[in-house]
């Protein structure tokens, strides 16, 4: 699971386009960088929105780290760079993967 995790995370964020979202747990929750709380359907809706897909072309990860918490739980941390109209937006990202499914995700804006 660990070796494919960066690719799965890229699919979740939308950097790698995908039509298959079965890796998102049914009880998934996200606290976005905006502070809004999302569920699985919100995440899938965002990932299939054509306008938002085009915006992700210039997104990339920095400092991607994986920590195995237990046999079935993995913590992923990274900084996401997002190209937006005003320049670049950076946020700390944290995901919890449980039994090969993304279970939780959080974004926190970095104000430099």
N, C-alpha and C. Protein backbone atom coordinates (compact mmCIF):
# COMPACT_ATOMS: atom_id res chain seq x y z
N UNK A 1 0.81 -1.20 0.00
CA UNK A 1 0.00 0.00 0.00
C UNK A 1 0.85 1.27 0.00
N UNK A 2 1.93 1.28 0.78
CA UNK A 2 2.72 2.50 0.93
C UNK A 2 3.31 2.97 -0.40
N UNK A 3 3.77 2.05 -1.24
CA UNK A 3 4.42 2.48 -2.48
C UNK A 3 3.45 3.15 -3.46
N UNK A 4 2.16 2.85 -3.37
CA UNK A 4 1.16 3.47 -4.25
C UNK A 4 0.47 4.66 -3.61
N UNK A 5 0.83 4.98 -2.38
CA UNK A 5 0.11 6.00 -1.63
C UNK A 5 0.25 7.40 -2.23
N UNK A 6 1.42 7.76 -2.72
CA UNK A 6 1.58 9.09 -3.31
C UNK A 6 0.67 9.23 -4.53
N UNK A 7 0.58 8.20 -5.34
CA UNK A 7 -0.28 8.24 -6.51
C UNK A 7 -1.76 8.33 -6.09
N UNK A 8 -2.15 7.59 -5.06
CA UNK A 8 -3.52 7.65 -4.57
C UNK A 8 -3.84 9.05 -4.02
N UNK A 9 -2.88 9.63 -3.32
CA UNK A 9 -3.08 10.98 -2.78
C UNK A 9 -3.21 11.99 -3.92
N UNK A 10 -2.42 11.83 -4.98
CA UNK A 10 -2.52 12.71 -6.15
C UNK A 10 -3.89 12.57 -6.82
N UNK A 11 -4.44 11.37 -6.83
CA UNK A 11 -5.80 11.18 -7.36
C UNK A 11 -6.82 11.86 -6.46
N UNK A 12 -6.63 11.74 -5.14
CA UNK A 12 -7.57 12.36 -4.20
C UNK A 12 -7.56 13.88 -4.33
N UNK A 13 -6.39 14.48 -4.43
CA UNK A 13 -6.28 15.93 -4.55
C UNK A 13 -6.74 16.38 -5.94
N UNK A 14 -6.59 15.49 -6.92
CA UNK A 14 -7.02 15.83 -8.28
C UNK A 14 -5.89 16.17 -9.22
N UNK A 15 -4.65 16.00 -8.76
CA UNK A 15 -3.51 16.24 -9.64
C UNK A 15 -3.48 15.18 -10.74
N UNK A 16 -3.76 13.95 -10.39
CA UNK A 16 -3.90 12.86 -11.36
C UNK A 16 -5.39 12.64 -11.60
N UNK A 17 -5.86 12.89 -12.80
CA UNK A 17 -7.30 12.68 -13.06
C UNK A 17 -7.69 11.21 -12.88
N UNK A 18 -8.89 11.00 -12.39
CA UNK A 18 -9.40 9.65 -12.18
C UNK A 18 -10.92 9.67 -12.23
N UNK A 19 -11.49 8.58 -12.67
CA UNK A 19 -12.95 8.42 -12.64
C UNK A 19 -13.36 7.40 -11.60
N UNK A 20 -12.38 6.89 -10.88
CA UNK A 20 -12.63 5.83 -9.90
C UNK A 20 -12.29 6.37 -8.51
N UNK A 21 -13.31 6.52 -7.68
CA UNK A 21 -13.11 7.09 -6.34
C UNK A 21 -13.43 6.08 -5.25
N UNK A 22 -13.28 4.79 -5.57
CA UNK A 22 -13.59 3.76 -4.58
C UNK A 22 -12.55 3.70 -3.46
N UNK A 23 -11.49 4.48 -3.53
CA UNK A 23 -10.49 4.53 -2.46
C UNK A 23 -10.89 5.52 -1.36
N UNK A 24 -11.99 6.25 -1.55
CA UNK A 24 -12.48 7.18 -0.53
C UNK A 24 -13.47 6.43 0.36
N UNK A 25 -13.16 6.36 1.64
CA UNK A 25 -14.01 5.64 2.59
C UNK A 25 -15.40 6.27 2.65
N UNK A 26 -16.42 5.44 2.83
CA UNK A 26 -17.80 5.94 2.89
C UNK A 26 -18.03 6.90 4.06
N UNK A 27 -17.24 6.78 5.13
CA UNK A 27 -17.38 7.68 6.27
C UNK A 27 -16.35 8.82 6.24
N UNK A 28 -15.74 9.06 5.08
CA UNK A 28 -14.73 10.09 4.89
C UNK A 28 -15.20 11.46 5.38
N UNK A 29 -14.26 12.18 6.01
CA UNK A 29 -14.47 13.57 6.41
C UNK A 29 -13.22 14.37 6.05
N UNK A 30 -13.46 15.62 5.62
CA UNK A 30 -12.36 16.54 5.35
C UNK A 30 -12.67 17.87 6.00
N UNK A 31 -11.64 18.45 6.61
CA UNK A 31 -11.72 19.84 7.04
C UNK A 31 -10.82 20.60 6.07
N UNK A 32 -11.44 21.34 5.17
CA UNK A 32 -10.70 22.03 4.12
C UNK A 32 -9.91 23.21 4.65
N UNK A 33 -9.00 23.70 3.82
CA UNK A 33 -8.20 24.86 4.19
C UNK A 33 -9.08 26.08 4.45
N UNK A 34 -10.29 26.06 3.87
CA UNK A 34 -11.24 27.15 4.08
C UNK A 34 -11.97 27.03 5.42
N UNK A 35 -11.86 25.87 6.06
CA UNK A 35 -12.57 25.60 7.30
C UNK A 35 -13.87 24.85 7.08
N UNK A 36 -14.25 24.69 5.82
CA UNK A 36 -15.49 23.97 5.50
C UNK A 36 -15.28 22.47 5.71
N UNK A 37 -16.35 21.78 6.15
CA UNK A 37 -16.29 20.33 6.36
C UNK A 37 -16.96 19.64 5.17
N UNK A 38 -16.28 18.63 4.63
CA UNK A 38 -16.74 17.90 3.45
C UNK A 38 -16.92 16.42 3.79
N UNK A 39 -17.83 15.77 3.06
CA UNK A 39 -17.97 14.32 3.16
C UNK A 39 -17.56 13.69 1.84
N UNK A 40 -17.75 12.38 1.70
CA UNK A 40 -17.32 11.68 0.49
C UNK A 40 -17.98 12.26 -0.76
N UNK A 41 -19.27 12.49 -0.72
CA UNK A 41 -19.96 13.00 -1.91
C UNK A 41 -19.43 14.37 -2.30
N UNK A 42 -19.15 15.23 -1.32
CA UNK A 42 -18.56 16.55 -1.61
C UNK A 42 -17.22 16.39 -2.32
N UNK A 43 -16.40 15.47 -1.84
CA UNK A 43 -15.09 15.24 -2.44
C UNK A 43 -15.22 14.76 -3.87
N UNK A 44 -16.10 13.80 -4.11
CA UNK A 44 -16.30 13.27 -5.47
C UNK A 44 -16.84 14.37 -6.38
N UNK A 45 -17.78 15.17 -5.90
CA UNK A 45 -18.32 16.28 -6.70
C UNK A 45 -17.21 17.25 -7.10
N UNK A 46 -16.34 17.57 -6.17
CA UNK A 46 -15.22 18.48 -6.44
C UNK A 46 -14.27 17.87 -7.48
N UNK A 47 -13.97 16.59 -7.32
CA UNK A 47 -13.02 15.93 -8.22
C UNK A 47 -13.57 15.72 -9.63
N UNK A 48 -14.87 15.81 -9.81
CA UNK A 48 -15.46 15.63 -11.13
C UNK A 48 -15.93 16.95 -11.75
N UNK A 49 -15.71 18.07 -11.06
CA UNK A 49 -16.08 19.38 -11.58
C UNK A 49 -15.07 19.82 -12.63
N UNK A 50 -15.50 19.97 -13.87
CA UNK A 50 -14.58 20.26 -14.98
C UNK A 50 -13.79 21.54 -14.77
N UNK A 51 -14.42 22.59 -14.24
CA UNK A 51 -13.70 23.85 -14.00
C UNK A 51 -12.57 23.64 -13.00
N UNK A 52 -12.86 22.92 -11.93
CA UNK A 52 -11.84 22.69 -10.91
C UNK A 52 -10.74 21.75 -11.42
N UNK A 53 -11.09 20.83 -12.31
CA UNK A 53 -10.08 19.94 -12.88
C UNK A 53 -9.02 20.74 -13.62
N UNK A 54 -9.45 21.72 -14.41
CA UNK A 54 -8.50 22.55 -15.17
C UNK A 54 -7.61 23.37 -14.25
N UNK A 55 -8.14 23.78 -13.09
CA UNK A 55 -7.34 24.57 -12.15
C UNK A 55 -6.21 23.77 -11.53
N UNK A 56 -6.31 22.45 -11.52
CA UNK A 56 -5.33 21.61 -10.84
C UNK A 56 -4.08 21.32 -11.68
N UNK A 57 -4.04 21.79 -12.90
CA UNK A 57 -2.92 21.48 -13.79
C UNK A 57 -1.58 21.89 -13.18
N UNK A 58 -1.54 23.00 -12.50
CA UNK A 58 -0.27 23.52 -11.95
C UNK A 58 -0.09 23.26 -10.47
N UNK A 59 -0.80 22.30 -9.90
CA UNK A 59 -0.64 21.97 -8.50
C UNK A 59 0.49 20.96 -8.31
N UNK A 60 1.18 21.03 -7.17
CA UNK A 60 2.21 20.03 -6.88
C UNK A 60 2.44 19.91 -5.38
N UNK A 61 3.05 18.77 -5.00
CA UNK A 61 3.38 18.48 -3.60
C UNK A 61 4.81 18.88 -3.30
N UNK A 62 5.04 19.19 -2.04
CA UNK A 62 6.39 19.41 -1.51
C UNK A 62 6.44 18.71 -0.15
N UNK A 63 7.60 18.17 0.20
CA UNK A 63 7.83 17.53 1.50
C UNK A 63 6.81 16.42 1.78
N UNK A 64 6.62 15.55 0.83
CA UNK A 64 5.66 14.44 0.97
C UNK A 64 6.25 13.41 1.92
N UNK A 65 5.55 13.14 3.02
CA UNK A 65 6.03 12.20 4.04
C UNK A 65 4.94 11.19 4.38
N UNK A 66 5.36 9.96 4.58
CA UNK A 66 4.46 8.87 4.96
C UNK A 66 4.93 8.30 6.29
N UNK A 67 3.99 8.15 7.24
CA UNK A 67 4.29 7.55 8.53
C UNK A 67 3.29 6.44 8.80
N UNK A 68 3.79 5.23 9.00
CA UNK A 68 2.90 4.12 9.32
C UNK A 68 2.62 4.16 10.81
N UNK A 69 1.35 4.38 11.17
CA UNK A 69 0.93 4.49 12.56
C UNK A 69 0.71 3.11 13.17
N UNK A 70 0.07 2.24 12.40
CA UNK A 70 -0.17 0.85 12.81
C UNK A 70 -0.21 0.01 11.54
N UNK A 71 -0.52 -1.26 11.69
CA UNK A 71 -0.54 -2.15 10.54
C UNK A 71 -1.49 -1.66 9.45
N UNK A 72 -2.61 -1.06 9.82
CA UNK A 72 -3.64 -0.67 8.86
C UNK A 72 -3.86 0.84 8.73
N UNK A 73 -3.09 1.64 9.46
CA UNK A 73 -3.31 3.09 9.45
C UNK A 73 -2.02 3.81 9.06
N UNK A 74 -2.15 4.69 8.08
CA UNK A 74 -1.00 5.45 7.58
C UNK A 74 -1.34 6.93 7.59
N UNK A 75 -0.40 7.73 8.05
CA UNK A 75 -0.51 9.18 8.08
C UNK A 75 0.32 9.75 6.94
N UNK A 76 -0.27 10.64 6.16
CA UNK A 76 0.43 11.29 5.05
C UNK A 76 0.42 12.79 5.31
N UNK A 77 1.59 13.43 5.19
CA UNK A 77 1.74 14.88 5.35
C UNK A 77 2.46 15.45 4.15
N UNK A 78 2.07 16.63 3.72
CA UNK A 78 2.78 17.32 2.65
C UNK A 78 2.32 18.77 2.58
N UNK A 79 3.03 19.53 1.78
CA UNK A 79 2.60 20.90 1.47
C UNK A 79 2.07 20.88 0.05
N UNK A 80 0.89 21.43 -0.15
CA UNK A 80 0.28 21.51 -1.47
C UNK A 80 0.44 22.93 -1.99
N UNK A 81 1.00 23.05 -3.19
CA UNK A 81 1.11 24.34 -3.88
C UNK A 81 0.01 24.39 -4.93
N UNK A 82 -0.82 25.44 -4.88
CA UNK A 82 -1.93 25.58 -5.81
C UNK A 82 -1.80 26.90 -6.55
N UNK A 83 -1.71 26.83 -7.87
CA UNK A 83 -1.67 28.04 -8.70
C UNK A 83 -3.08 28.61 -8.76
N UNK A 84 -3.23 29.85 -8.32
CA UNK A 84 -4.52 30.53 -8.38
C UNK A 84 -4.31 31.87 -9.07
N UNK A 85 -5.39 32.58 -9.33
CA UNK A 85 -5.30 33.85 -10.07
C UNK A 85 -4.33 34.84 -9.43
N UNK A 86 -4.32 34.91 -8.12
CA UNK A 86 -3.48 35.89 -7.42
C UNK A 86 -2.04 35.44 -7.24
N UNK A 87 -1.69 34.24 -7.68
CA UNK A 87 -0.34 33.72 -7.50
C UNK A 87 -0.39 32.29 -7.01
N UNK A 88 0.29 32.03 -5.90
CA UNK A 88 0.34 30.67 -5.35
C UNK A 88 -0.28 30.63 -3.97
N UNK A 89 -1.01 29.58 -3.70
CA UNK A 89 -1.57 29.32 -2.37
C UNK A 89 -0.90 28.05 -1.85
N UNK A 90 -0.40 28.11 -0.62
CA UNK A 90 0.24 26.94 -0.02
C UNK A 90 -0.54 26.52 1.21
N UNK A 91 -0.64 25.19 1.38
CA UNK A 91 -1.32 24.68 2.56
C UNK A 91 -0.66 23.39 3.03
N UNK A 92 -0.64 23.22 4.36
CA UNK A 92 -0.24 21.94 4.92
C UNK A 92 -1.39 20.97 4.71
N UNK A 93 -1.09 19.75 4.35
CA UNK A 93 -2.12 18.73 4.14
C UNK A 93 -1.79 17.50 4.97
N UNK A 94 -2.83 16.91 5.52
CA UNK A 94 -2.70 15.71 6.32
C UNK A 94 -3.82 14.76 5.91
N UNK A 95 -3.48 13.52 5.64
CA UNK A 95 -4.48 12.50 5.33
C UNK A 95 -4.24 11.29 6.20
N UNK A 96 -5.32 10.64 6.58
CA UNK A 96 -5.24 9.37 7.29
C UNK A 96 -5.85 8.31 6.39
N UNK A 97 -5.05 7.30 6.09
CA UNK A 97 -5.47 6.16 5.27
C UNK A 97 -5.65 4.96 6.19
N UNK A 98 -6.79 4.30 6.07
CA UNK A 98 -7.10 3.14 6.91
C UNK A 98 -7.55 2.00 6.00
N UNK A 99 -6.81 0.90 6.04
CA UNK A 99 -7.14 -0.27 5.21
C UNK A 99 -7.29 0.09 3.73
N UNK A 100 -6.35 0.87 3.21
CA UNK A 100 -6.30 1.27 1.80
C UNK A 100 -7.37 2.27 1.37
N UNK A 101 -8.06 2.88 2.32
CA UNK A 101 -9.05 3.90 2.01
C UNK A 101 -8.67 5.21 2.70
N UNK A 102 -8.87 6.34 2.01
CA UNK A 102 -8.66 7.62 2.67
C UNK A 102 -9.86 7.85 3.58
N UNK A 103 -9.57 8.07 4.85
CA UNK A 103 -10.57 8.13 5.90
C UNK A 103 -10.78 9.57 6.38
N UNK A 104 -9.68 10.37 6.35
CA UNK A 104 -9.72 11.74 6.88
C UNK A 104 -8.70 12.58 6.13
N UNK A 105 -9.03 13.84 5.90
CA UNK A 105 -8.10 14.77 5.25
C UNK A 105 -8.30 16.16 5.85
N UNK A 106 -7.20 16.88 6.01
CA UNK A 106 -7.28 18.25 6.53
C UNK A 106 -6.29 19.13 5.82
N UNK A 107 -6.72 20.35 5.51
CA UNK A 107 -5.85 21.36 4.92
C UNK A 107 -5.78 22.57 5.82
N UNK A 108 -4.58 23.13 5.96
CA UNK A 108 -4.38 24.33 6.78
C UNK A 108 -3.55 25.31 5.96
N UNK A 109 -4.10 26.49 5.69
CA UNK A 109 -3.37 27.48 4.90
C UNK A 109 -2.09 27.91 5.59
N UNK A 110 -1.08 28.13 4.78
CA UNK A 110 0.19 28.66 5.26
C UNK A 110 0.23 30.14 4.87
N UNK A 111 0.26 31.01 5.85
CA UNK A 111 0.34 32.44 5.59
C UNK A 111 1.75 32.90 5.84
N UNK A 112 2.47 33.15 4.75
CA UNK A 112 3.86 33.60 4.88
C UNK A 112 3.99 35.07 4.58
